[in-house]
Amino acid sequence: MFTGIVEELGEVTAKEDLGDFARFAIRGPVVTSDARHGDSIAVNGVCLTVVDVRPDGTFTTDVMGETLNRTSLRAVGVGSRVNLERAAAVNGRLGGHIVQGHVDGTGHIIARTPAEHWQVVRIALPTSLARYVVEKGSITVDGVSLTVSAVGHDWFEVSLIPTTLESTTLGAAEVGSQVNLEVDILAKYVERLLNPDDSSG
C-alpha cells in the first residue's frame, strides 16, 4: 500500500527489452536507502518489485508485458524522470490517501491553466473510470495523490501547488502527456456492495 506522497524524482538509467517483459534500472537514492530484494516501490503510480539494489542508489525491477500495455511505463525510456514512493510503513502517517499501485487506466493532459500560486490541470480519462471520480474526492495521477477540483463527463481537474509542480513529474508534463490513473479504491468497493451482481466494475 502507498499514500500517493512522492518521495523523490528518480531517473531511468537503463531499460532492457526481454521479450514479454522489460527490466528497468532506476536511480533513486532516497527510496533505495533501506530497500531490499522483494520490496515494493511505486514508479509513476505502478507498484513494482525490487529485484536488486546497487551501491550507487539504483534499483532494478522487472515490468511484465501486461503492465507495459496498460500503463504509461511503455513510453518511459533512459533519461526519463519518474515519481518514486516506497510502500507505506504501518506506523507512518497517511499523508495522501490509500493507494494500491494498481493502475486502473491511463488518461492524458488536455489543458494547463496557470494561476498566481498554482496550476489547474485538466485530464481526460476513460468514461469507464469517470463514475469513480467526484469533486473533492481523491485520485492518483502518476503516483501523486490529488484532490479533484472539478469533473466533467470524460475529464477532471486538479490544482497543483508549487510543491507538487517542483517535486513530481507533473510539473513538467505537457499537454498531450499520458498519465497513469488510479481511482479511489473505496469508490469501487461501494459500487460493488451496491451492485453485487454487476461484474463490469
N, C-alpha and C. Protein backbone atom coordinates (compact mmCIF):
# COMPACT_ATOMS: atom_id res chain seq x y z
N MET A 1 0.84 -1.18 0.00
CA MET A 1 0.00 0.00 0.00
C MET A 1 0.88 1.24 0.00
N PHE A 2 0.38 2.30 -0.65
CA PHE A 2 1.11 3.56 -0.74
C PHE A 2 0.17 4.69 -0.31
N THR A 3 0.71 5.90 -0.26
CA THR A 3 -0.12 7.05 0.15
C THR A 3 -0.25 8.10 -0.94
N GLY A 4 0.51 7.96 -2.03
CA GLY A 4 0.46 8.96 -3.09
C GLY A 4 1.28 10.20 -2.79
N ILE A 5 2.15 10.12 -1.79
CA ILE A 5 3.06 11.23 -1.48
C ILE A 5 4.43 10.87 -2.06
N VAL A 6 4.79 11.49 -3.16
CA VAL A 6 6.03 11.17 -3.86
C VAL A 6 7.23 11.54 -3.00
N GLU A 7 8.16 10.59 -2.86
CA GLU A 7 9.34 10.83 -2.03
C GLU A 7 10.49 11.46 -2.79
N GLU A 8 10.61 11.12 -4.06
CA GLU A 8 11.67 11.74 -4.86
C GLU A 8 11.41 11.51 -6.34
N LEU A 9 12.05 12.36 -7.15
CA LEU A 9 12.08 12.18 -8.59
C LEU A 9 13.26 11.30 -8.93
N GLY A 10 12.98 10.13 -9.49
CA GLY A 10 14.05 9.24 -9.90
C GLY A 10 14.35 9.39 -11.38
N GLU A 11 15.35 8.67 -11.83
CA GLU A 11 15.73 8.71 -13.25
C GLU A 11 15.99 7.30 -13.74
N VAL A 12 15.41 6.98 -14.88
CA VAL A 12 15.64 5.68 -15.51
C VAL A 12 17.03 5.70 -16.13
N THR A 13 17.89 4.78 -15.70
CA THR A 13 19.27 4.75 -16.20
C THR A 13 19.48 3.64 -17.22
N ALA A 14 18.56 2.67 -17.27
CA ALA A 14 18.67 1.59 -18.25
C ALA A 14 17.30 0.95 -18.44
N LYS A 15 17.04 0.48 -19.65
CA LYS A 15 15.81 -0.25 -19.95
C LYS A 15 16.16 -1.34 -20.94
N GLU A 16 15.92 -2.59 -20.54
CA GLU A 16 16.27 -3.74 -21.36
C GLU A 16 15.01 -4.48 -21.77
N ASP A 17 14.78 -4.59 -23.07
CA ASP A 17 13.63 -5.32 -23.60
C ASP A 17 13.94 -6.80 -23.60
N LEU A 18 13.17 -7.58 -22.85
CA LEU A 18 13.43 -9.01 -22.71
C LEU A 18 12.26 -9.85 -23.23
N GLY A 19 11.66 -9.40 -24.31
CA GLY A 19 10.57 -10.14 -24.93
C GLY A 19 9.23 -9.78 -24.34
N ASP A 20 8.73 -10.63 -23.42
CA ASP A 20 7.43 -10.37 -22.85
C ASP A 20 7.51 -9.54 -21.56
N PHE A 21 8.68 -9.01 -21.25
CA PHE A 21 8.81 -8.08 -20.14
C PHE A 21 10.04 -7.20 -20.37
N ALA A 22 10.16 -6.17 -19.55
CA ALA A 22 11.30 -5.26 -19.64
C ALA A 22 11.92 -5.11 -18.26
N ARG A 23 13.22 -4.94 -18.23
CA ARG A 23 13.92 -4.71 -16.97
C ARG A 23 14.40 -3.25 -16.94
N PHE A 24 13.99 -2.56 -15.89
CA PHE A 24 14.37 -1.16 -15.71
C PHE A 24 15.41 -1.05 -14.61
N ALA A 25 16.35 -0.13 -14.79
CA ALA A 25 17.22 0.31 -13.71
C ALA A 25 16.88 1.77 -13.44
N ILE A 26 16.60 2.07 -12.17
CA ILE A 26 16.12 3.40 -11.81
C ILE A 26 16.94 3.94 -10.65
N ARG A 27 17.47 5.14 -10.81
CA ARG A 27 18.24 5.76 -9.74
C ARG A 27 17.31 6.51 -8.80
N GLY A 28 17.40 6.16 -7.52
CA GLY A 28 16.58 6.82 -6.50
C GLY A 28 17.20 6.60 -5.14
N PRO A 29 18.17 7.43 -4.76
CA PRO A 29 18.89 7.21 -3.50
C PRO A 29 18.03 7.25 -2.25
N VAL A 30 16.94 8.00 -2.28
CA VAL A 30 16.06 8.05 -1.10
C VAL A 30 15.32 6.74 -0.93
N VAL A 31 14.66 6.28 -1.99
CA VAL A 31 13.85 5.06 -1.87
C VAL A 31 14.69 3.80 -1.75
N THR A 32 15.95 3.87 -2.18
CA THR A 32 16.81 2.69 -2.06
C THR A 32 17.61 2.67 -0.75
N SER A 33 17.48 3.72 0.05
CA SER A 33 18.28 3.82 1.27
C SER A 33 18.04 2.65 2.22
N ASP A 34 16.83 2.09 2.20
CA ASP A 34 16.54 0.94 3.06
C ASP A 34 15.85 -0.17 2.27
N ALA A 35 15.94 -0.12 0.94
CA ALA A 35 15.26 -1.11 0.10
C ALA A 35 16.03 -2.42 0.04
N ARG A 36 15.27 -3.50 -0.09
CA ARG A 36 15.86 -4.83 -0.23
C ARG A 36 15.14 -5.58 -1.34
N HIS A 37 15.74 -6.66 -1.77
CA HIS A 37 15.12 -7.53 -2.77
C HIS A 37 13.70 -7.92 -2.31
N GLY A 38 12.74 -7.75 -3.19
CA GLY A 38 11.37 -8.12 -2.89
C GLY A 38 10.51 -6.99 -2.36
N ASP A 39 11.11 -5.85 -2.01
CA ASP A 39 10.33 -4.72 -1.55
C ASP A 39 9.53 -4.12 -2.70
N SER A 40 8.50 -3.34 -2.34
CA SER A 40 7.67 -2.67 -3.34
C SER A 40 8.00 -1.19 -3.41
N ILE A 41 8.13 -0.69 -4.63
CA ILE A 41 8.32 0.74 -4.88
C ILE A 41 7.36 1.13 -5.99
N ALA A 42 6.61 2.21 -5.77
CA ALA A 42 5.71 2.71 -6.81
C ALA A 42 6.50 3.61 -7.76
N VAL A 43 6.40 3.30 -9.05
CA VAL A 43 7.06 4.08 -10.10
C VAL A 43 5.97 4.68 -10.98
N ASN A 44 5.82 6.00 -10.92
CA ASN A 44 4.71 6.67 -11.60
C ASN A 44 3.38 6.03 -11.26
N GLY A 45 3.25 5.61 -9.99
CA GLY A 45 1.99 5.05 -9.53
C GLY A 45 1.81 3.57 -9.76
N VAL A 46 2.81 2.90 -10.34
CA VAL A 46 2.74 1.47 -10.60
C VAL A 46 3.55 0.73 -9.54
N CYS A 47 2.91 -0.17 -8.81
CA CYS A 47 3.62 -0.94 -7.80
C CYS A 47 4.53 -1.96 -8.47
N LEU A 48 5.84 -1.84 -8.23
CA LEU A 48 6.83 -2.73 -8.83
C LEU A 48 7.68 -3.35 -7.72
N THR A 49 8.24 -4.52 -8.02
CA THR A 49 9.04 -5.26 -7.04
C THR A 49 10.52 -5.07 -7.31
N VAL A 50 11.25 -4.76 -6.26
CA VAL A 50 12.70 -4.57 -6.37
C VAL A 50 13.38 -5.91 -6.62
N VAL A 51 14.18 -5.98 -7.70
CA VAL A 51 14.97 -7.19 -7.98
C VAL A 51 16.29 -7.13 -7.24
N ASP A 52 16.99 -6.00 -7.40
CA ASP A 52 18.22 -5.80 -6.63
C ASP A 52 18.49 -4.32 -6.43
N VAL A 53 19.31 -4.04 -5.44
CA VAL A 53 19.69 -2.66 -5.12
C VAL A 53 21.19 -2.55 -5.28
N ARG A 54 21.64 -1.50 -5.97
CA ARG A 54 23.06 -1.30 -6.24
C ARG A 54 23.63 -0.21 -5.34
N PRO A 55 24.95 -0.23 -5.12
CA PRO A 55 25.57 0.76 -4.23
C PRO A 55 25.40 2.21 -4.67
N ASP A 56 25.15 2.44 -5.97
CA ASP A 56 25.02 3.82 -6.46
C ASP A 56 23.61 4.39 -6.28
N GLY A 57 22.75 3.69 -5.51
CA GLY A 57 21.40 4.20 -5.29
C GLY A 57 20.44 3.86 -6.41
N THR A 58 20.79 2.85 -7.20
CA THR A 58 19.93 2.40 -8.29
C THR A 58 19.31 1.06 -7.92
N PHE A 59 18.06 0.87 -8.32
CA PHE A 59 17.43 -0.43 -8.15
C PHE A 59 16.93 -0.93 -9.50
N THR A 60 16.83 -2.24 -9.64
CA THR A 60 16.30 -2.82 -10.86
C THR A 60 14.95 -3.45 -10.57
N THR A 61 14.10 -3.47 -11.57
CA THR A 61 12.77 -4.03 -11.43
C THR A 61 12.31 -4.58 -12.77
N ASP A 62 11.56 -5.66 -12.75
CA ASP A 62 11.02 -6.27 -13.96
C ASP A 62 9.57 -5.84 -14.14
N VAL A 63 9.24 -5.41 -15.36
CA VAL A 63 7.89 -4.95 -15.66
C VAL A 63 7.29 -5.88 -16.72
N MET A 64 6.24 -6.59 -16.34
CA MET A 64 5.62 -7.54 -17.24
C MET A 64 4.94 -6.84 -18.41
N GLY A 65 4.78 -7.59 -19.51
CA GLY A 65 4.14 -7.05 -20.70
C GLY A 65 2.76 -6.50 -20.44
N GLU A 66 1.98 -7.17 -19.58
CA GLU A 66 0.63 -6.70 -19.23
C GLU A 66 0.69 -5.31 -18.63
N THR A 67 1.65 -5.08 -17.75
CA THR A 67 1.79 -3.76 -17.12
C THR A 67 2.22 -2.72 -18.15
N LEU A 68 3.15 -3.07 -19.02
CA LEU A 68 3.59 -2.14 -20.05
C LEU A 68 2.43 -1.75 -20.97
N ASN A 69 1.57 -2.71 -21.27
CA ASN A 69 0.45 -2.45 -22.18
C ASN A 69 -0.63 -1.60 -21.55
N ARG A 70 -0.75 -1.65 -20.23
CA ARG A 70 -1.85 -0.97 -19.55
C ARG A 70 -1.47 0.34 -18.87
N THR A 71 -0.19 0.68 -18.90
CA THR A 71 0.26 1.90 -18.22
C THR A 71 1.16 2.73 -19.13
N SER A 72 1.49 3.91 -18.66
CA SER A 72 2.37 4.79 -19.42
C SER A 72 3.83 4.39 -19.32
N LEU A 73 4.15 3.34 -18.57
CA LEU A 73 5.55 2.92 -18.45
C LEU A 73 6.12 2.44 -19.78
N ARG A 74 5.25 2.05 -20.71
CA ARG A 74 5.75 1.61 -22.02
C ARG A 74 6.47 2.73 -22.76
N ALA A 75 6.13 3.98 -22.43
CA ALA A 75 6.76 5.12 -23.10
C ALA A 75 7.95 5.66 -22.33
N VAL A 76 8.25 5.09 -21.17
CA VAL A 76 9.37 5.55 -20.35
C VAL A 76 10.66 4.96 -20.89
N GLY A 77 11.68 5.79 -21.04
CA GLY A 77 12.96 5.33 -21.55
C GLY A 77 14.12 5.85 -20.73
N VAL A 78 15.31 5.54 -21.16
CA VAL A 78 16.51 6.00 -20.46
C VAL A 78 16.52 7.53 -20.40
N GLY A 79 16.73 8.06 -19.23
CA GLY A 79 16.73 9.50 -19.03
C GLY A 79 15.41 10.05 -18.54
N SER A 80 14.34 9.26 -18.61
CA SER A 80 13.03 9.72 -18.14
C SER A 80 13.03 9.91 -16.64
N ARG A 81 12.38 10.97 -16.18
CA ARG A 81 12.18 11.18 -14.75
C ARG A 81 10.90 10.47 -14.33
N VAL A 82 10.92 9.88 -13.16
CA VAL A 82 9.76 9.13 -12.67
C VAL A 82 9.51 9.45 -11.20
N ASN A 83 8.24 9.41 -10.81
CA ASN A 83 7.87 9.61 -9.41
C ASN A 83 8.09 8.32 -8.65
N LEU A 84 8.73 8.41 -7.48
CA LEU A 84 9.05 7.23 -6.68
C LEU A 84 8.48 7.36 -5.27
N GLU A 85 7.92 6.24 -4.79
CA GLU A 85 7.44 6.18 -3.41
C GLU A 85 7.60 4.76 -2.89
N ARG A 86 8.19 4.64 -1.71
CA ARG A 86 8.25 3.34 -1.05
C ARG A 86 6.89 2.97 -0.48
N ALA A 87 6.67 1.68 -0.25
CA ALA A 87 5.44 1.23 0.39
C ALA A 87 5.31 1.88 1.75
N ALA A 88 4.07 2.18 2.13
CA ALA A 88 3.82 2.87 3.39
C ALA A 88 4.18 1.98 4.57
N ALA A 89 4.77 2.58 5.58
CA ALA A 89 5.04 1.86 6.83
C ALA A 89 3.78 1.86 7.68
N VAL A 90 3.53 0.77 8.37
CA VAL A 90 2.32 0.64 9.18
C VAL A 90 2.24 1.71 10.25
N ASN A 91 3.40 2.13 10.77
CA ASN A 91 3.42 3.13 11.85
C ASN A 91 3.60 4.55 11.32
N GLY A 92 3.45 4.73 9.98
CA GLY A 92 3.64 6.06 9.40
C GLY A 92 2.34 6.82 9.26
N ARG A 93 2.44 8.08 8.86
CA ARG A 93 1.27 8.93 8.64
C ARG A 93 0.72 8.69 7.23
N LEU A 94 -0.59 8.69 7.11
CA LEU A 94 -1.23 8.55 5.81
C LEU A 94 -1.44 9.96 5.25
N GLY A 95 -0.40 10.49 4.60
CA GLY A 95 -0.43 11.87 4.17
C GLY A 95 -1.34 12.13 2.98
N GLY A 96 -1.54 11.12 2.13
CA GLY A 96 -2.40 11.30 0.97
C GLY A 96 -3.70 10.55 1.15
N HIS A 97 -3.85 9.43 0.42
CA HIS A 97 -4.99 8.54 0.64
C HIS A 97 -4.53 7.12 0.34
N ILE A 98 -5.37 6.14 0.55
CA ILE A 98 -4.98 4.75 0.34
C ILE A 98 -4.79 4.49 -1.16
N VAL A 99 -3.55 4.15 -1.52
CA VAL A 99 -3.19 3.91 -2.91
C VAL A 99 -2.62 2.50 -3.01
N GLN A 100 -3.10 1.73 -3.97
CA GLN A 100 -2.64 0.36 -4.12
C GLN A 100 -1.46 0.20 -5.07
N GLY A 101 -1.30 1.16 -5.97
CA GLY A 101 -0.29 1.00 -7.01
C GLY A 101 -0.77 0.11 -8.14
N HIS A 102 -2.08 -0.08 -8.23
CA HIS A 102 -2.70 -0.86 -9.29
C HIS A 102 -3.41 0.11 -10.23
N VAL A 103 -2.80 0.40 -11.35
CA VAL A 103 -3.31 1.41 -12.27
C VAL A 103 -4.61 0.94 -12.91
N ASP A 104 -5.63 1.80 -12.85
CA ASP A 104 -6.94 1.45 -13.43
C ASP A 104 -7.02 1.79 -14.92
N GLY A 105 -6.20 2.71 -15.37
CA GLY A 105 -6.21 3.11 -16.77
C GLY A 105 -5.31 4.31 -16.96
N THR A 106 -5.25 4.78 -18.17
CA THR A 106 -4.43 5.96 -18.46
C THR A 106 -5.32 7.09 -18.97
N GLY A 107 -4.87 8.30 -18.73
CA GLY A 107 -5.53 9.48 -19.26
C GLY A 107 -4.48 10.35 -19.92
N HIS A 108 -4.88 11.53 -20.35
CA HIS A 108 -3.88 12.45 -20.91
C HIS A 108 -4.27 13.88 -20.56
N ILE A 109 -3.25 14.70 -20.42
CA ILE A 109 -3.46 16.10 -20.05
C ILE A 109 -4.01 16.86 -21.25
N ILE A 110 -5.12 17.56 -21.04
CA ILE A 110 -5.73 18.30 -22.15
C ILE A 110 -5.65 19.81 -21.98
N ALA A 111 -5.30 20.27 -20.78
CA ALA A 111 -5.14 21.72 -20.58
C ALA A 111 -4.38 21.98 -19.29
N ARG A 112 -3.61 23.08 -19.31
CA ARG A 112 -2.93 23.58 -18.11
C ARG A 112 -3.22 25.06 -18.03
N THR A 113 -3.75 25.50 -16.89
CA THR A 113 -4.11 26.91 -16.71
C THR A 113 -3.36 27.47 -15.51
N PRO A 114 -2.36 28.33 -15.73
CA PRO A 114 -1.60 28.89 -14.60
C PRO A 114 -2.45 29.87 -13.79
N ALA A 115 -2.29 29.82 -12.48
CA ALA A 115 -2.86 30.81 -11.58
C ALA A 115 -1.71 31.49 -10.86
N GLU A 116 -2.00 32.32 -9.89
CA GLU A 116 -0.93 33.08 -9.24
C GLU A 116 0.03 32.17 -8.49
N HIS A 117 -0.50 31.19 -7.78
CA HIS A 117 0.36 30.35 -6.95
C HIS A 117 0.22 28.86 -7.25
N TRP A 118 -0.51 28.49 -8.27
CA TRP A 118 -0.71 27.08 -8.59
C TRP A 118 -1.07 26.95 -10.05
N GLN A 119 -1.32 25.73 -10.49
CA GLN A 119 -1.80 25.47 -11.85
C GLN A 119 -2.99 24.54 -11.79
N VAL A 120 -3.99 24.84 -12.61
CA VAL A 120 -5.13 23.95 -12.76
C VAL A 120 -4.86 23.07 -13.99
N VAL A 121 -4.90 21.77 -13.79
CA VAL A 121 -4.61 20.83 -14.86
C VAL A 121 -5.87 20.00 -15.14
N ARG A 122 -6.28 19.99 -16.41
CA ARG A 122 -7.44 19.18 -16.82
C ARG A 122 -6.94 17.92 -17.50
N ILE A 123 -7.49 16.79 -17.09
CA ILE A 123 -7.04 15.50 -17.58
C ILE A 123 -8.23 14.71 -18.12
N ALA A 124 -8.11 14.22 -19.35
CA ALA A 124 -9.13 13.35 -19.93
C ALA A 124 -8.95 11.95 -19.38
N LEU A 125 -10.07 11.27 -19.15
CA LEU A 125 -9.99 9.90 -18.63
C LEU A 125 -11.04 9.03 -19.31
N PRO A 126 -10.85 7.71 -19.31
CA PRO A 126 -11.84 6.82 -19.92
C PRO A 126 -13.19 6.97 -19.22
N THR A 127 -14.26 6.94 -19.98
CA THR A 127 -15.59 7.11 -19.38
C THR A 127 -15.89 5.98 -18.39
N SER A 128 -15.25 4.82 -18.55
CA SER A 128 -15.47 3.72 -17.62
C SER A 128 -14.95 4.04 -16.23
N LEU A 129 -14.03 5.00 -16.12
CA LEU A 129 -13.49 5.40 -14.81
C LEU A 129 -14.16 6.65 -14.26
N ALA A 130 -14.85 7.39 -15.12
CA ALA A 130 -15.40 8.68 -14.71
C ALA A 130 -16.37 8.54 -13.55
N ARG A 131 -17.08 7.42 -13.46
CA ARG A 131 -18.08 7.27 -12.40
C ARG A 131 -17.45 7.19 -11.00
N TYR A 132 -16.15 6.92 -10.94
CA TYR A 132 -15.47 6.82 -9.66
C TYR A 132 -14.86 8.15 -9.22
N VAL A 133 -14.94 9.16 -10.04
CA VAL A 133 -14.26 10.43 -9.76
C VAL A 133 -15.30 11.48 -9.37
N VAL A 134 -15.14 12.05 -8.18
CA VAL A 134 -16.09 13.04 -7.69
C VAL A 134 -15.34 14.28 -7.24
N GLU A 135 -16.01 15.42 -7.34
CA GLU A 135 -15.42 16.67 -6.87
C GLU A 135 -15.09 16.57 -5.38
N LYS A 136 -13.89 17.00 -5.01
CA LYS A 136 -13.34 16.95 -3.66
C LYS A 136 -12.93 15.54 -3.25
N GLY A 137 -13.05 14.59 -4.16
CA GLY A 137 -12.58 13.24 -3.87
C GLY A 137 -11.10 13.11 -4.21
N SER A 138 -10.58 11.91 -3.99
CA SER A 138 -9.15 11.67 -4.24
C SER A 138 -8.95 10.86 -5.51
N ILE A 139 -7.83 11.12 -6.19
CA ILE A 139 -7.41 10.35 -7.35
C ILE A 139 -5.88 10.35 -7.38
N THR A 140 -5.31 9.31 -7.93
CA THR A 140 -3.86 9.23 -8.05
C THR A 140 -3.47 9.41 -9.51
N VAL A 141 -2.62 10.39 -9.78
CA VAL A 141 -2.15 10.67 -11.14
C VAL A 141 -0.64 10.47 -11.16
N ASP A 142 -0.17 9.48 -11.92
CA ASP A 142 1.26 9.14 -11.96
C ASP A 142 1.84 8.98 -10.55
N GLY A 143 1.03 8.37 -9.67
CA GLY A 143 1.50 8.10 -8.32
C GLY A 143 1.35 9.24 -7.35
N VAL A 144 0.76 10.35 -7.76
CA VAL A 144 0.59 11.52 -6.90
C VAL A 144 -0.85 11.60 -6.40
N SER A 145 -1.04 11.59 -5.10
CA SER A 145 -2.37 11.73 -4.52
C SER A 145 -2.84 13.17 -4.67
N LEU A 146 -3.99 13.33 -5.34
CA LEU A 146 -4.51 14.67 -5.61
C LEU A 146 -5.99 14.75 -5.28
N THR A 147 -6.44 15.97 -5.01
CA THR A 147 -7.86 16.22 -4.76
C THR A 147 -8.50 16.75 -6.04
N VAL A 148 -9.61 16.16 -6.42
CA VAL A 148 -10.33 16.57 -7.63
C VAL A 148 -11.02 17.90 -7.36
N SER A 149 -10.78 18.89 -8.23
CA SER A 149 -11.38 20.21 -8.04
C SER A 149 -12.59 20.44 -8.94
N ALA A 150 -12.71 19.67 -10.03
CA ALA A 150 -13.87 19.79 -10.93
C ALA A 150 -13.94 18.53 -11.76
N VAL A 151 -15.15 18.19 -12.21
CA VAL A 151 -15.35 16.99 -13.02
C VAL A 151 -16.25 17.29 -14.20
N GLY A 152 -16.05 16.52 -15.28
CA GLY A 152 -16.93 16.56 -16.44
C GLY A 152 -17.25 15.15 -16.86
N HIS A 153 -17.89 15.00 -18.02
CA HIS A 153 -18.29 13.67 -18.49
C HIS A 153 -17.10 12.76 -18.69
N ASP A 154 -16.03 13.31 -19.26
CA ASP A 154 -14.85 12.48 -19.55
C ASP A 154 -13.56 13.19 -19.19
N TRP A 155 -13.62 14.07 -18.19
CA TRP A 155 -12.42 14.77 -17.74
C TRP A 155 -12.58 15.14 -16.26
N PHE A 156 -11.46 15.47 -15.64
CA PHE A 156 -11.47 16.02 -14.29
C PHE A 156 -10.34 17.03 -14.19
N GLU A 157 -10.40 17.87 -13.18
CA GLU A 157 -9.35 18.86 -12.95
C GLU A 157 -8.76 18.70 -11.56
N VAL A 158 -7.47 19.02 -11.47
CA VAL A 158 -6.78 19.07 -10.19
C VAL A 158 -5.99 20.37 -10.14
N SER A 159 -5.77 20.87 -8.94
CA SER A 159 -4.97 22.08 -8.76
C SER A 159 -3.64 21.69 -8.15
N LEU A 160 -2.56 22.02 -8.84
CA LEU A 160 -1.22 21.62 -8.40
C LEU A 160 -0.54 22.78 -7.68
N ILE A 161 -0.18 22.54 -6.42
CA ILE A 161 0.51 23.55 -5.63
C ILE A 161 1.99 23.57 -6.03
N PRO A 162 2.73 24.63 -5.64
CA PRO A 162 4.14 24.72 -6.02
C PRO A 162 4.97 23.49 -5.66
N THR A 163 4.73 22.90 -4.49
CA THR A 163 5.50 21.71 -4.09
C THR A 163 5.30 20.58 -5.08
N THR A 164 4.06 20.35 -5.50
CA THR A 164 3.78 19.28 -6.47
C THR A 164 4.41 19.60 -7.83
N LEU A 165 4.35 20.86 -8.24
CA LEU A 165 4.93 21.26 -9.51
C LEU A 165 6.45 21.07 -9.52
N GLU A 166 7.08 21.31 -8.37
CA GLU A 166 8.54 21.23 -8.28
C GLU A 166 9.06 19.82 -8.01
N SER A 167 8.28 19.02 -7.30
CA SER A 167 8.80 17.76 -6.77
C SER A 167 8.29 16.51 -7.46
N THR A 168 7.45 16.66 -8.49
CA THR A 168 6.93 15.49 -9.21
C THR A 168 7.03 15.74 -10.71
N THR A 169 6.81 14.68 -11.46
CA THR A 169 6.85 14.80 -12.93
C THR A 169 5.70 15.62 -13.48
N LEU A 170 4.67 15.85 -12.68
CA LEU A 170 3.51 16.60 -13.17
C LEU A 170 3.86 18.06 -13.47
N GLY A 171 4.92 18.57 -12.84
CA GLY A 171 5.31 19.94 -13.10
C GLY A 171 5.75 20.17 -14.53
N ALA A 172 6.37 19.17 -15.15
CA ALA A 172 6.90 19.31 -16.50
C ALA A 172 6.04 18.60 -17.55
N ALA A 173 4.99 17.91 -17.12
CA ALA A 173 4.15 17.17 -18.07
C ALA A 173 3.41 18.14 -18.98
N GLU A 174 3.53 17.95 -20.28
CA GLU A 174 2.94 18.85 -21.26
C GLU A 174 1.54 18.39 -21.65
N VAL A 175 0.80 19.30 -22.27
CA VAL A 175 -0.50 18.93 -22.83
C VAL A 175 -0.28 17.79 -23.83
N GLY A 176 -1.08 16.76 -23.70
CA GLY A 176 -0.93 15.57 -24.53
C GLY A 176 -0.21 14.43 -23.84
N SER A 177 0.48 14.73 -22.72
CA SER A 177 1.21 13.70 -21.98
C SER A 177 0.25 12.67 -21.41
N GLN A 178 0.64 11.40 -21.52
CA GLN A 178 -0.15 10.31 -20.95
C GLN A 178 0.21 10.15 -19.49
N VAL A 179 -0.81 9.88 -18.66
CA VAL A 179 -0.58 9.71 -17.22
C VAL A 179 -1.33 8.48 -16.73
N ASN A 180 -0.76 7.83 -15.70
CA ASN A 180 -1.41 6.69 -15.07
C ASN A 180 -2.45 7.18 -14.07
N LEU A 181 -3.60 6.51 -14.04
CA LEU A 181 -4.67 6.89 -13.14
C LEU A 181 -5.07 5.71 -12.25
N GLU A 182 -5.21 5.98 -10.98
CA GLU A 182 -5.79 5.02 -10.04
C GLU A 182 -6.89 5.72 -9.27
N VAL A 183 -8.12 5.25 -9.44
CA VAL A 183 -9.24 5.87 -8.74
C VAL A 183 -9.27 5.39 -7.30
N ASP A 184 -10.07 6.05 -6.49
CA ASP A 184 -10.15 5.73 -5.07
C ASP A 184 -10.75 4.33 -4.90
N ILE A 185 -10.02 3.43 -4.26
CA ILE A 185 -10.47 2.05 -4.07
C ILE A 185 -11.79 2.00 -3.30
N LEU A 186 -12.04 2.97 -2.41
CA LEU A 186 -13.28 2.97 -1.64
C LEU A 186 -14.49 3.11 -2.55
N ALA A 187 -14.36 3.89 -3.61
CA ALA A 187 -15.47 4.07 -4.54
C ALA A 187 -15.82 2.76 -5.24
N LYS A 188 -14.79 1.99 -5.58
CA LYS A 188 -15.04 0.71 -6.26
C LYS A 188 -15.69 -0.29 -5.32
N TYR A 189 -15.28 -0.30 -4.06
CA TYR A 189 -15.90 -1.21 -3.09
C TYR A 189 -17.36 -0.84 -2.85
N VAL A 190 -17.65 0.45 -2.74
CA VAL A 190 -19.02 0.89 -2.54
C VAL A 190 -19.88 0.46 -3.72
N GLU A 191 -19.38 0.66 -4.93
CA GLU A 191 -20.14 0.26 -6.12
C GLU A 191 -20.43 -1.24 -6.11
N ARG A 192 -19.44 -2.03 -5.74
CA ARG A 192 -19.61 -3.48 -5.72
C ARG A 192 -20.64 -3.89 -4.67
N LEU A 193 -20.62 -3.25 -3.52
CA LEU A 193 -21.59 -3.58 -2.47
C LEU A 193 -23.01 -3.21 -2.88
N LEU A 194 -23.15 -2.10 -3.59
CA LEU A 194 -24.48 -1.66 -4.02
C LEU A 194 -24.99 -2.45 -5.21
N ASN A 195 -24.06 -3.00 -6.00
CA ASN A 195 -24.45 -3.76 -7.20
C ASN A 195 -23.71 -5.10 -7.20
N PRO A 196 -24.06 -5.99 -6.29
CA PRO A 196 -23.30 -7.25 -6.15
C PRO A 196 -23.36 -8.16 -7.37
N ASP A 197 -24.38 -7.99 -8.22
CA ASP A 197 -24.49 -8.85 -9.39
C ASP A 197 -23.86 -8.26 -10.63
N ASP A 198 -23.33 -7.04 -10.50
CA ASP A 198 -22.70 -6.36 -11.65
C ASP A 198 -21.22 -6.70 -11.67
N SER A 199 -20.78 -7.40 -12.70
CA SER A 199 -19.37 -7.80 -12.80
C SER A 199 -18.57 -6.89 -13.70
N SER A 200 -19.13 -5.74 -14.10
CA SER A 200 -18.44 -4.84 -15.03
C SER A 200 -17.43 -3.96 -14.34
N GLY A 201 -17.54 -3.78 -13.00
CA GLY A 201 -16.64 -2.89 -12.27
C GLY A 201 -15.33 -3.54 -11.94
